[in-house]
Amino acid sequence: MPDTPAARAGIKAGDFLTHVDSQSVSDLDLSTVVERLRGKIGTKVKITIISGEGSAPQDLTLTRELIRLKSVRWKTEGNYGHLTI
């Protein structure tokens, strides 16, 4: 999602999360992984991702922040408007 710590770190849809704080997430359900990613605002979390088949794992450290979801985004380009819902 745009304007999140993950987006600013270059993480894209399809990237594969393998570790949170050096612990494998392979045997965990989604809610447990989300719990490990969440934490006090301003604290750091280390994640490991793989960006594509055959790519090397990449360690990233993100700073947790409050993420406000925007259901509608808009911008204008010349005479055109662009809505994302």
Protein backbone atom coordinates (compact mmCIF):
# COMPACT_ATOMS: atom_id res chain seq x y z
CA MET A 1 0.00 0.00 0.00
CA PRO A 2 1.30 3.47 -0.80
CA ASP A 3 2.65 5.69 1.98
CA THR A 4 3.56 2.82 4.32
CA PRO A 5 6.95 1.80 5.72
CA ALA A 6 6.92 -1.27 3.46
CA ALA A 7 6.20 0.75 0.32
CA ARG A 8 8.96 3.22 1.15
CA ALA A 9 11.36 0.29 1.62
CA GLY A 10 10.55 -0.93 -1.89
CA ILE A 11 8.45 -3.96 -0.97
CA LYS A 12 6.03 -4.86 -3.73
CA ALA A 13 3.03 -7.14 -4.17
CA GLY A 14 4.33 -10.65 -4.74
CA ASP A 15 7.41 -10.28 -2.53
CA PHE A 16 7.66 -13.21 -0.14
CA LEU A 17 8.12 -12.60 3.60
CA THR A 18 10.32 -15.32 5.13
CA HIS A 19 11.36 -13.98 8.57
CA VAL A 20 10.27 -11.44 11.17
CA ASP A 21 12.95 -10.46 13.69
CA SER A 22 15.09 -13.39 12.47
CA GLN A 23 12.34 -15.95 13.15
CA SER A 24 10.93 -17.97 10.27
CA VAL A 25 7.26 -17.40 9.43
CA SER A 26 6.91 -20.54 7.28
CA ASP A 27 4.85 -22.48 9.83
CA LEU A 28 2.79 -19.54 11.13
CA ASP A 29 -0.72 -18.49 10.19
CA LEU A 30 -1.38 -15.01 8.84
CA SER A 31 -2.74 -13.56 12.09
CA THR A 32 0.39 -14.64 13.99
CA VAL A 33 2.65 -13.07 11.38
CA VAL A 34 0.65 -9.82 11.51
CA GLU A 35 0.94 -9.82 15.32
CA ARG A 36 4.73 -10.06 15.03
CA LEU A 37 4.85 -7.23 12.50
CA ARG A 38 2.74 -4.91 14.62
CA GLY A 39 4.16 -3.17 17.63
CA LYS A 40 4.63 0.11 19.38
CA ILE A 41 4.82 3.06 16.99
CA GLY A 42 8.41 4.16 16.46
CA THR A 43 9.96 0.78 17.23
CA LYS A 44 11.81 -1.21 14.59
CA VAL A 45 11.10 -4.61 13.08
CA LYS A 46 13.57 -6.59 10.97
CA ILE A 47 12.08 -8.56 8.10
CA THR A 48 13.54 -10.81 5.43
CA ILE A 49 11.95 -10.92 1.99
CA ILE A 50 12.55 -12.67 -1.29
CA SER A 51 11.58 -10.52 -4.26
CA GLY A 52 11.33 -13.16 -6.93
CA GLU A 53 12.13 -16.73 -7.80
CA GLY A 54 15.85 -17.29 -7.55
CA SER A 55 16.58 -13.96 -5.85
CA ALA A 56 18.64 -13.76 -2.69
CA PRO A 57 16.92 -13.03 0.62
CA GLN A 58 17.03 -9.36 1.58
CA ASP A 59 16.99 -8.08 5.17
CA LEU A 60 15.15 -4.82 5.81
CA THR A 61 14.56 -2.89 9.00
CA LEU A 62 11.31 -0.95 9.11
CA THR A 63 10.11 1.57 11.68
CA ARG A 64 6.58 0.88 12.83
CA GLU A 65 4.06 3.68 12.41
CA LEU A 66 0.34 4.27 12.48
CA ILE A 67 -1.02 3.38 9.05
CA ARG A 68 -4.17 5.23 8.06
CA LEU A 69 -5.97 3.53 5.22
CA LYS A 70 -7.41 5.77 2.54
CA SER A 71 -10.32 4.15 0.74
CA VAL A 72 -10.21 6.67 -2.10
CA ARG A 73 -7.15 8.34 -3.63
CA TRP A 74 -7.24 10.87 -6.42
CA LYS A 75 -4.95 13.01 -8.52
CA THR A 76 -5.20 15.11 -11.64
CA GLU A 77 -2.99 14.89 -14.68
CA GLY A 78 -3.64 17.67 -17.16
CA ASN A 79 -7.32 17.52 -18.09
CA TYR A 80 -7.80 14.07 -16.58
CA GLY A 81 -8.63 12.85 -13.10
CA HIS A 82 -7.45 9.54 -11.72
CA LEU A 83 -9.41 7.80 -8.92
CA THR A 84 -8.25 4.73 -7.02
CA ILE A 85 -10.95 3.07 -4.91
